[in-house]
Amino acid sequence: MQRGNLTDFTQGSIPRHLIVFSIPMLIGNLLQTFYNTVDSIWVGRFLGPEALAAVSVSFPIVFLLVAFTTGLSMAASVMVAQYFGAKKEEEVKRTATASTVLLTLLGIGLMVVGLLFHQNLLALIRTPSGIMNFATSYLYFFLFGLPFMFLYNNIGSVLRGAGDSKTPLLLLVYATLLNIILDPLLILGIPPFPRLGVAGAAIATTISQGFSAIWGAIILKRGEFFAFEKSYLIPCVSFVRTLFRLGLPAGVQQTIVSLGHLAMMAIVNSFGKTVVAAFGAATRVDQFSFLPALSFSIAISSLAGQNVGAGNFTRAREVARWGAIVAGGFALPIAIIVFALAPQLIRIFTTDPEVIRIGIEYLRIVSFSYVPFALMFAYNGFLRGAGDTLQTMVNTLLTLWLVRIPVAKLLSVTSLAERGIWVSFIAGPVAGYLIAYFYYLGGKWEEKALIRKDQRPFQEAAC
């Protein structure tokens, strides 16, 4: 197998690996978020707050549809990382090929489901009537990109599990540039293109995702990760069993998160379209602010996976310690910057005075959650890389459904109104960090490795 950008994390400086591996992912995540935010900027500035709110309410539904398959992509990344750390290249190739085929087929299936029921889902979360037509139009065309989204996500997961964070970055660069070019052409109808409004934003995103996914598949084949052979293309029972053993909890976790977002969106929607628009604009800023934590979480998973696969649990613990230090250290200055520059950040998305006022309140409250959020993601990322995806699911369930959502419901009916919802965004990560950290200290994650000294190598996943 060609090594290229692949990295062995079982040796060398852990903090250096974390930072160097995270930089391309951070840039990539910035591009991914910018890629989506471009839609909001064009829509919010040129089509108005109703169209901006329509784009905002669509994302929790998309998140719900992709949640389960995102868990399977995470499982593929864990398997690749542990097999790569154990120097089992045949299993790396088998995992990459079978998971890519499986995830693409699931993407097609969920696209069909979404197209059939997207209006019902928008009604279920109490989408305000004034933005329903915009939301329906945007979501309908966005759903055509789901198979491409799943294909790209799995390709990125496979490559990152093997220590390559640079190639997924290049794919995002291509997609982002294409999206930036297409957005004004299709949204505003710059000749010879027709004016498509919010639908144009969704179509631009779908085309860009398709280009990135297809090019990524070509790269995966050239790097010898993919094999056009029946034994690889058709997943065997033992592989599927292992993928689902790891991916089912991760998929359920993502589903729990997506349902939680829908529940939160329903609470926000009850305050009307102005609050919805402010929430949509402010959460775009959040998405950028959370990116370092998300990037470090993925890096920690890859480092933990390779070292657990190699049987080096002492070094794996160092990965957890350094991961928390680095993630928390990056989150603190970001929180300070967002708090200080909240007015300027919100004005990027809208010129409506009331939307700006509410958005500033959101950012100045939620910025206090950034450090505990980073620590929570650091330890959950470690547990995921170690193969303990069931516990990360439990952590998420407790954090979201027993803390954040109840706090949001309780406080939103007090004099705090929508500000009570923003306060719940602090309570959740604090609880999540404490749960993940104390479980990590218990050491049960050591029993979850795919490869153990008392186990014949790959007896669970080998075909």
Protein backbone atom coordinates (compact mmCIF):
# COMPACT_ATOMS: atom_id res chain seq x y z
CA MET A 1 0.00 0.00 0.00
CA GLN A 2 1.35 3.39 -0.95
CA ARG A 3 2.26 5.45 2.10
CA GLY A 4 2.14 8.99 0.68
CA ASN A 5 0.55 11.18 3.34
CA LEU A 6 -0.14 8.29 5.75
CA THR A 7 1.27 8.69 9.27
CA ASP A 8 2.24 6.16 11.95
CA PHE A 9 1.05 7.61 15.28
CA THR A 10 2.51 4.82 17.40
CA GLN A 11 5.81 6.68 17.66
CA GLY A 12 7.02 10.28 17.83
CA SER A 13 5.80 13.35 19.72
CA ILE A 14 2.11 13.13 20.65
CA PRO A 15 1.42 16.89 20.88
CA ARG A 16 3.23 17.42 17.59
CA HIS A 17 1.16 14.66 15.93
CA LEU A 18 -2.03 16.17 17.33
CA ILE A 19 -1.31 19.65 16.05
CA VAL A 20 0.22 18.71 12.68
CA PHE A 21 -2.54 16.20 11.92
CA SER A 22 -5.25 18.62 13.08
CA ILE A 23 -4.11 21.59 10.99
CA PRO A 24 -5.32 20.20 7.62
CA MET A 25 -8.53 19.01 9.30
CA LEU A 26 -9.06 22.41 10.91
CA ILE A 27 -8.54 24.15 7.58
CA GLY A 28 -10.81 21.57 5.97
CA ASN A 29 -13.48 22.04 8.61
CA LEU A 30 -13.21 25.79 8.19
CA LEU A 31 -13.75 25.32 4.48
CA GLN A 32 -16.65 22.90 5.12
CA THR A 33 -18.31 25.40 7.43
CA PHE A 34 -17.53 28.28 5.10
CA TYR A 35 -18.89 26.12 2.29
CA ASN A 36 -22.25 25.97 4.12
CA THR A 37 -22.03 29.52 5.47
CA VAL A 38 -21.66 30.99 1.98
CA ASP A 39 -25.24 29.87 1.36
CA SER A 40 -26.40 31.72 4.48
CA ILE A 41 -24.51 34.91 3.60
CA TRP A 42 -25.90 35.10 0.06
CA VAL A 43 -29.41 34.09 1.17
CA GLY A 44 -29.50 36.34 4.24
CA ARG A 45 -28.08 39.38 2.49
CA PHE A 46 -29.97 39.20 -0.78
CA LEU A 47 -33.15 37.21 -0.09
CA GLY A 48 -33.98 38.44 3.45
CA PRO A 49 -34.41 37.05 6.99
CA GLU A 50 -37.25 34.68 5.99
CA ALA A 51 -35.02 32.89 3.49
CA LEU A 52 -32.15 32.81 6.01
CA ALA A 53 -34.45 31.25 8.62
CA ALA A 54 -35.59 28.66 6.04
CA VAL A 55 -32.01 27.52 5.43
CA SER A 56 -31.44 27.35 9.21
CA VAL A 57 -34.40 25.09 9.97
CA SER A 58 -33.38 22.63 7.24
CA PHE A 59 -30.07 21.60 8.77
CA PRO A 60 -31.40 19.65 11.79
CA ILE A 61 -33.44 17.54 9.36
CA VAL A 62 -30.40 16.85 7.18
CA PHE A 63 -28.47 15.98 10.35
CA LEU A 64 -31.19 13.50 11.31
CA LEU A 65 -31.05 11.78 7.91
CA VAL A 66 -27.26 11.44 7.90
CA ALA A 67 -26.86 10.60 11.60
CA PHE A 68 -26.84 6.82 11.41
CA THR A 69 -24.51 6.57 8.44
CA THR A 70 -22.17 9.10 10.05
CA GLY A 71 -21.79 6.57 12.86
CA LEU A 72 -20.82 3.89 10.37
CA SER A 73 -18.19 6.22 8.87
CA MET A 74 -16.80 6.76 12.36
CA ALA A 75 -16.67 2.98 12.83
CA ALA A 76 -14.79 2.57 9.55
CA SER A 77 -12.27 5.18 10.72
CA VAL A 78 -11.76 3.36 14.05
CA MET A 79 -11.27 0.03 12.27
CA VAL A 80 -8.82 1.49 9.76
CA ALA A 81 -6.85 3.23 12.55
CA GLN A 82 -6.54 0.10 14.69
CA TYR A 83 -5.71 -2.15 11.73
CA PHE A 84 -3.20 0.39 10.46
CA GLY A 85 -1.57 0.58 13.89
CA ALA A 86 -1.36 -3.23 13.95
CA LYS A 87 0.23 -3.19 10.45
CA LYS A 88 -2.60 -5.25 8.89
CA GLU A 89 -2.83 -3.61 5.47
CA GLU A 90 -5.15 -6.21 3.96
CA GLU A 91 -7.79 -5.41 6.56
CA VAL A 92 -7.31 -1.69 5.94
CA LYS A 93 -8.12 -2.22 2.26
CA ARG A 94 -11.08 -4.46 3.01
CA THR A 95 -12.55 -1.95 5.46
CA ALA A 96 -12.07 0.98 3.07
CA THR A 97 -13.69 -0.77 0.12
CA ALA A 98 -16.64 -2.40 1.86
CA SER A 99 -17.54 0.64 3.96
CA THR A 100 -17.45 2.94 0.91
CA VAL A 101 -19.85 0.71 -1.02
CA LEU A 102 -22.17 0.27 1.95
CA LEU A 103 -22.30 3.97 2.87
CA THR A 104 -22.98 5.08 -0.70
CA LEU A 105 -25.92 2.68 -1.00
CA LEU A 106 -27.31 3.88 2.33
CA GLY A 107 -26.97 7.47 1.13
CA ILE A 108 -29.09 6.71 -1.91
CA GLY A 109 -31.74 5.05 0.26
CA LEU A 110 -31.92 7.97 2.69
CA MET A 111 -32.09 10.45 -0.17
CA VAL A 112 -35.27 8.71 -1.35
CA VAL A 113 -36.73 8.70 2.18
CA GLY A 114 -35.92 12.39 2.59
CA LEU A 115 -37.50 13.36 -0.72
CA LEU A 116 -40.69 11.52 0.25
CA PHE A 117 -41.05 12.91 3.77
CA HIS A 118 -39.18 16.24 3.92
CA GLN A 119 -42.37 18.31 4.14
CA ASN A 120 -43.65 16.16 7.01
CA LEU A 121 -40.39 16.66 8.90
CA LEU A 122 -40.52 20.42 8.43
CA ALA A 123 -44.07 20.44 9.80
CA LEU A 124 -43.05 18.19 12.70
CA ILE A 125 -40.55 20.75 14.01
CA ARG A 126 -43.18 23.50 13.77
CA THR A 127 -41.54 25.45 10.97
CA PRO A 128 -43.21 28.89 10.88
CA SER A 129 -45.71 29.21 8.03
CA GLY A 130 -43.98 32.34 6.73
CA ILE A 131 -40.85 30.38 5.80
CA MET A 132 -42.31 26.96 4.92
CA ASN A 133 -42.14 27.43 1.14
CA PHE A 134 -38.53 28.61 1.31
CA ALA A 135 -37.57 25.71 3.60
CA THR A 136 -39.30 23.12 1.41
CA SER A 137 -37.54 24.39 -1.71
CA TYR A 138 -34.10 24.45 -0.10
CA LEU A 139 -34.36 21.06 1.58
CA TYR A 140 -35.75 19.30 -1.51
CA PHE A 141 -32.76 20.13 -3.71
CA PHE A 142 -30.24 19.71 -0.88
CA LEU A 143 -31.36 16.09 -0.39
CA PHE A 144 -30.11 15.11 -3.85
CA GLY A 145 -26.58 15.57 -2.52
CA LEU A 146 -26.88 13.00 0.29
CA PRO A 147 -25.21 10.08 -1.57
CA PHE A 148 -22.28 12.35 -2.44
CA MET A 149 -22.09 13.57 1.14
CA PHE A 150 -21.94 10.00 2.48
CA LEU A 151 -19.36 8.96 -0.10
CA TYR A 152 -17.09 11.89 0.73
CA ASN A 153 -17.50 11.48 4.51
CA ASN A 154 -16.50 7.82 4.36
CA ILE A 155 -13.52 8.53 2.12
CA GLY A 156 -12.36 11.21 4.56
CA SER A 157 -12.86 8.87 7.54
CA VAL A 158 -10.83 6.08 5.93
CA LEU A 159 -7.95 8.39 5.03
CA ARG A 160 -7.86 10.04 8.46
CA GLY A 161 -7.87 6.65 10.18
CA ALA A 162 -4.68 5.86 8.27
CA GLY A 163 -3.13 9.18 9.25
CA ASP A 164 -3.87 11.22 6.11
CA SER A 165 -5.66 14.49 6.84
CA LYS A 166 -4.25 16.36 3.83
CA THR A 167 -6.15 14.63 1.02
CA PRO A 168 -9.61 15.29 2.55
CA LEU A 169 -8.54 18.93 2.84
CA LEU A 170 -7.76 19.15 -0.87
CA LEU A 171 -11.18 17.68 -1.71
CA LEU A 172 -12.86 20.32 0.42
CA VAL A 173 -10.83 23.07 -1.24
CA TYR A 174 -12.15 21.98 -4.62
CA ALA A 175 -15.74 21.75 -3.39
CA THR A 176 -15.64 25.09 -1.57
CA LEU A 177 -14.23 26.98 -4.54
CA LEU A 178 -16.87 25.48 -6.81
CA ASN A 179 -19.63 26.35 -4.32
CA ILE A 180 -18.40 29.96 -4.03
CA ILE A 181 -18.56 30.29 -7.82
CA LEU A 182 -21.97 28.64 -8.23
CA ASP A 183 -23.83 30.31 -5.32
CA PRO A 184 -24.24 33.83 -6.75
CA LEU A 185 -24.83 32.46 -10.25
CA LEU A 186 -27.73 30.24 -9.17
CA ILE A 187 -29.16 32.25 -6.26
CA LEU A 188 -29.24 35.63 -7.99
CA GLY A 189 -29.64 34.39 -11.55
CA ILE A 190 -26.56 35.94 -13.12
CA PRO A 191 -26.95 35.36 -16.90
CA PRO A 192 -27.09 32.86 -18.45
CA PHE A 193 -28.29 31.13 -15.26
CA PRO A 194 -31.91 31.48 -14.02
CA ARG A 195 -32.69 33.11 -10.63
CA LEU A 196 -33.41 30.13 -8.34
CA GLY A 197 -33.29 31.79 -4.90
CA VAL A 198 -32.86 29.40 -1.95
CA ALA A 199 -33.15 26.43 -4.31
CA GLY A 200 -30.08 27.74 -6.13
CA ALA A 201 -28.07 27.61 -2.89
CA ALA A 202 -29.01 23.95 -2.40
CA ILE A 203 -28.26 23.04 -6.03
CA ALA A 204 -24.84 24.71 -5.84
CA THR A 205 -24.02 22.69 -2.72
CA THR A 206 -25.17 19.43 -4.31
CA ILE A 207 -23.07 19.95 -7.44
CA SER A 208 -20.01 20.82 -5.35
CA GLN A 209 -20.45 17.77 -3.12
CA GLY A 210 -20.79 15.54 -6.15
CA PHE A 211 -17.56 16.79 -7.67
CA SER A 212 -15.64 16.34 -4.39
CA ALA A 213 -17.02 12.84 -3.74
CA ILE A 214 -16.25 11.50 -7.22
CA TRP A 215 -12.75 12.93 -7.21
CA GLY A 216 -12.21 11.46 -3.73
CA ALA A 217 -13.20 8.00 -4.95
CA ILE A 218 -10.63 8.30 -7.74
CA ILE A 219 -7.94 9.25 -5.22
CA LEU A 220 -8.91 6.34 -2.94
CA LYS A 221 -8.50 3.90 -5.83
CA ARG A 222 -5.15 5.37 -6.89
CA GLY A 223 -3.87 5.07 -3.30
CA GLU A 224 -4.66 1.31 -3.33
CA PHE A 225 -7.26 1.67 -0.60
CA PHE A 226 -9.98 0.44 -2.93
CA ALA A 227 -10.17 -2.93 -4.74
CA PHE A 228 -12.65 -3.78 -7.49
CA GLU A 229 -12.88 -7.42 -6.46
CA LYS A 230 -15.98 -9.29 -5.32
CA SER A 231 -14.45 -10.32 -1.99
CA TYR A 232 -13.86 -6.64 -1.18
CA LEU A 233 -16.87 -4.98 -2.79
CA ILE A 234 -19.43 -7.27 -1.12
CA PRO A 235 -19.06 -6.94 2.67
CA CYS A 236 -18.82 -10.31 4.43
CA VAL A 237 -20.97 -11.07 7.47
CA SER A 238 -18.12 -10.83 9.97
CA PHE A 239 -17.07 -7.41 8.64
CA VAL A 240 -20.62 -6.06 8.74
CA ARG A 241 -21.03 -7.40 12.27
CA THR A 242 -17.91 -5.59 13.47
CA LEU A 243 -18.77 -2.40 11.57
CA PHE A 244 -22.23 -2.33 13.14
CA ARG A 245 -20.91 -3.27 16.59
CA LEU A 246 -18.80 -0.14 16.49
CA GLY A 247 -21.01 1.96 14.23
CA LEU A 248 -24.43 1.26 15.72
CA PRO A 249 -23.69 3.07 19.02
CA ALA A 250 -21.99 5.88 17.09
CA GLY A 251 -24.95 6.07 14.71
CA VAL A 252 -27.43 6.05 17.58
CA GLN A 253 -25.31 8.76 19.21
CA GLN A 254 -25.54 10.91 16.10
CA THR A 255 -29.27 10.22 15.88
CA ILE A 256 -29.65 11.26 19.52
CA VAL A 257 -27.80 14.47 18.71
CA SER A 258 -29.87 15.13 15.59
CA LEU A 259 -33.15 14.49 17.42
CA GLY A 260 -31.87 16.78 20.16
CA HIS A 261 -31.21 19.47 17.56
CA LEU A 262 -34.72 19.01 16.24
CA ALA A 263 -36.11 19.34 19.76
CA MET A 264 -34.03 22.48 20.35
CA MET A 265 -35.09 23.85 16.97
CA ALA A 266 -38.73 23.28 17.90
CA ILE A 267 -38.22 25.27 21.11
CA VAL A 268 -36.49 28.06 19.17
CA ASN A 269 -39.19 28.03 16.47
CA SER A 270 -41.84 28.71 19.11
CA PHE A 271 -40.37 32.23 19.54
CA GLY A 272 -40.99 33.19 15.90
CA LYS A 273 -39.03 33.86 12.74
CA THR A 274 -36.88 36.71 14.14
CA VAL A 275 -35.44 34.50 16.88
CA VAL A 276 -35.06 31.66 14.35
CA ALA A 277 -33.08 33.93 12.02
CA ALA A 278 -30.88 35.17 14.90
CA PHE A 279 -30.30 31.59 16.05
CA GLY A 280 -29.37 30.55 12.51
CA ALA A 281 -26.88 33.40 12.11
CA ALA A 282 -25.33 32.96 15.57
CA THR A 283 -24.95 29.19 15.22
CA ARG A 284 -22.97 29.81 12.04
CA VAL A 285 -20.44 31.64 14.20
CA ASP A 286 -20.61 28.72 16.66
CA GLN A 287 -19.79 26.31 13.90
CA PHE A 288 -16.54 28.16 13.22
CA SER A 289 -15.77 28.46 16.94
CA PHE A 290 -16.23 24.74 17.58
CA LEU A 291 -14.05 23.66 14.66
CA PRO A 292 -10.75 23.35 16.58
CA ALA A 293 -12.46 21.13 19.18
CA LEU A 294 -14.01 18.97 16.45
CA SER A 295 -10.70 18.72 14.58
CA PHE A 296 -8.78 17.75 17.70
CA SER A 297 -11.45 15.19 18.59
CA ILE A 298 -10.96 13.45 15.23
CA ALA A 299 -7.18 13.63 15.61
CA ILE A 300 -7.38 12.18 19.12
CA SER A 301 -9.53 9.32 17.77
CA SER A 302 -6.96 8.51 15.08
CA LEU A 303 -4.02 8.64 17.49
CA ALA A 304 -5.86 6.63 20.13
CA GLY A 305 -7.01 4.06 17.54
CA GLN A 306 -3.53 3.40 16.18
CA ASN A 307 -1.95 3.10 19.63
CA VAL A 308 -4.71 0.89 21.00
CA GLY A 309 -4.41 -1.25 17.86
CA ALA A 310 -0.68 -1.56 18.55
CA GLY A 311 -1.44 -2.56 22.17
CA ASN A 312 0.34 0.48 23.64
CA PHE A 313 -2.15 1.60 26.29
CA THR A 314 0.37 3.73 28.17
CA ARG A 315 0.96 5.87 25.11
CA ALA A 316 -2.79 5.92 24.47
CA ARG A 317 -3.33 7.54 27.89
CA GLU A 318 -0.81 10.21 26.95
CA VAL A 319 -2.90 10.86 23.84
CA ALA A 320 -5.91 11.54 26.07
CA ARG A 321 -3.95 13.85 28.39
CA TRP A 322 -2.35 15.88 25.62
CA GLY A 323 -5.59 15.94 23.66
CA ALA A 324 -7.44 17.64 26.51
CA ILE A 325 -4.60 20.13 27.05
CA VAL A 326 -4.36 21.12 23.39
CA ALA A 327 -8.13 21.24 22.74
CA GLY A 328 -8.86 23.28 25.86
CA GLY A 329 -5.92 25.58 25.18
CA PHE A 330 -7.25 26.45 21.73
CA ALA A 331 -10.85 26.90 22.90
CA LEU A 332 -10.16 29.56 25.54
CA PRO A 333 -8.91 32.39 23.27
CA ILE A 334 -11.66 31.62 20.76
CA ALA A 335 -14.27 32.09 23.50
CA ILE A 336 -12.76 35.46 24.44
CA ILE A 337 -12.69 36.65 20.82
CA VAL A 338 -16.31 35.64 20.13
CA PHE A 339 -17.53 37.34 23.30
CA ALA A 340 -15.70 40.56 22.41
CA LEU A 341 -16.56 40.66 18.71
CA ALA A 342 -20.14 39.34 18.85
CA PRO A 343 -21.72 42.44 17.20
CA GLN A 344 -19.32 42.43 14.26
CA LEU A 345 -19.72 38.68 13.75
CA ILE A 346 -23.52 38.75 13.65
CA ARG A 347 -23.56 41.67 11.19
CA ILE A 348 -21.79 39.47 8.65
CA PHE A 349 -25.07 37.59 8.17
CA THR A 350 -27.81 40.18 8.53
CA THR A 351 -28.63 43.88 8.70
CA ASP A 352 -31.88 43.45 10.66
CA PRO A 353 -31.46 45.29 14.04
CA GLU A 354 -33.59 42.89 16.09
CA VAL A 355 -31.89 39.81 14.63
CA ILE A 356 -28.53 41.39 15.44
CA ARG A 357 -29.56 42.14 19.06
CA ILE A 358 -30.73 38.58 19.74
CA GLY A 359 -27.70 37.08 17.99
CA ILE A 360 -25.30 39.11 20.16
CA GLU A 361 -27.02 37.86 23.32
CA TYR A 362 -26.69 34.29 22.07
CA LEU A 363 -22.97 34.54 21.35
CA ARG A 364 -22.10 36.27 24.62
CA ILE A 365 -23.83 33.54 26.60
CA VAL A 366 -22.82 30.49 24.57
CA SER A 367 -19.13 31.51 24.33
CA PHE A 368 -18.80 30.33 27.95
CA SER A 369 -19.44 26.77 26.73
CA TYR A 370 -16.48 26.59 24.36
CA VAL A 371 -13.86 25.27 26.80
CA PRO A 372 -16.01 22.52 28.41
CA PHE A 373 -17.23 21.62 24.91
CA ALA A 374 -13.62 21.13 23.77
CA LEU A 375 -12.79 18.98 26.81
CA MET A 376 -15.93 16.87 26.31
CA PHE A 377 -15.04 16.27 22.68
CA ALA A 378 -11.44 15.43 23.56
CA TYR A 379 -12.38 12.58 25.90
CA ASN A 380 -15.26 11.35 23.76
CA GLY A 381 -12.90 11.33 20.77
CA PHE A 382 -10.42 9.26 22.74
CA LEU A 383 -13.06 6.73 23.80
CA ARG A 384 -14.31 6.47 20.21
CA GLY A 385 -10.80 5.81 18.89
CA ALA A 386 -10.30 3.12 21.54
CA GLY A 387 -13.41 1.38 20.21
CA ASP A 388 -15.70 2.27 23.13
CA THR A 389 -18.40 3.81 20.96
CA LEU A 390 -21.17 2.56 23.27
CA GLN A 391 -19.99 4.79 26.11
CA THR A 392 -19.78 7.88 23.90
CA MET A 393 -23.40 7.19 22.96
CA VAL A 394 -24.37 7.00 26.64
CA ASN A 395 -22.44 10.21 27.35
CA THR A 396 -24.32 12.01 24.60
CA LEU A 397 -27.70 10.67 25.72
CA LEU A 398 -27.16 11.87 29.29
CA THR A 399 -25.72 15.23 28.28
CA LEU A 400 -28.32 16.17 25.71
CA TRP A 401 -31.58 14.63 26.87
CA LEU A 402 -31.14 14.75 30.63
CA VAL A 403 -29.38 18.12 30.84
CA ARG A 404 -29.49 20.46 27.83
CA ILE A 405 -33.03 19.97 26.56
CA PRO A 406 -34.73 19.93 30.01
CA VAL A 407 -32.81 23.07 30.99
CA ALA A 408 -33.82 24.76 27.73
CA LYS A 409 -37.49 23.88 28.23
CA LEU A 410 -37.53 25.01 31.85
CA LEU A 411 -35.70 28.28 31.38
CA SER A 412 -37.40 29.27 28.12
CA VAL A 413 -40.75 29.65 29.90
CA THR A 414 -39.28 31.97 32.54
CA SER A 415 -38.53 35.66 32.19
CA LEU A 416 -35.32 34.67 30.41
CA ALA A 417 -37.39 33.64 27.34
CA GLU A 418 -35.08 32.64 24.47
CA ARG A 419 -32.04 33.49 26.62
CA GLY A 420 -32.92 30.45 28.72
CA ILE A 421 -32.29 28.27 25.67
CA TRP A 422 -28.86 29.83 25.24
CA VAL A 423 -27.98 29.08 28.90
CA SER A 424 -28.71 25.38 28.29
CA PHE A 425 -25.87 25.35 25.77
CA ILE A 426 -23.46 25.84 28.68
CA ALA A 427 -25.02 23.26 31.01
CA GLY A 428 -24.79 20.43 28.45
CA PRO A 429 -21.02 20.52 27.70
CA VAL A 430 -20.11 20.92 31.37
CA ALA A 431 -22.05 17.77 32.25
CA GLY A 432 -20.70 15.96 29.17
CA TYR A 433 -17.09 16.69 30.03
CA LEU A 434 -17.45 15.44 33.61
CA ILE A 435 -19.18 12.22 32.53
CA ALA A 436 -16.59 11.42 29.83
CA TYR A 437 -13.60 12.28 32.03
CA PHE A 438 -14.61 10.14 35.00
CA TYR A 439 -15.45 7.20 32.74
CA TYR A 440 -12.04 7.51 31.10
CA LEU A 441 -10.38 7.39 34.53
CA GLY A 442 -12.17 4.08 35.21
CA GLY A 443 -10.15 2.39 32.42
CA LYS A 444 -12.93 0.18 31.00
CA TRP A 445 -12.11 1.46 27.51
CA GLU A 446 -9.06 -0.86 27.47
CA GLU A 447 -11.39 -3.84 27.06
CA LYS A 448 -12.94 -2.48 23.85
CA ALA A 449 -9.96 -2.81 21.49
CA LEU A 450 -10.54 -4.74 18.26
CA ILE A 451 -7.17 -6.44 18.74
CA ARG A 452 -6.18 -7.82 22.12
CA LYS A 453 -3.41 -10.09 23.33
CA ASP A 454 -5.92 -12.81 24.26
CA GLN A 455 -7.64 -12.66 20.87
CA ARG A 456 -6.60 -14.13 17.53
CA PRO A 457 -5.93 -11.06 15.36
CA PHE A 458 -9.06 -9.87 13.52
CA GLN A 459 -11.13 -12.92 14.39
CA GLU A 460 -14.18 -10.66 14.63
CA ALA A 461 -13.71 -8.69 11.44
CA ALA A 462 -11.59 -10.77 9.09
CA CYS A 463 -13.43 -12.38 6.17
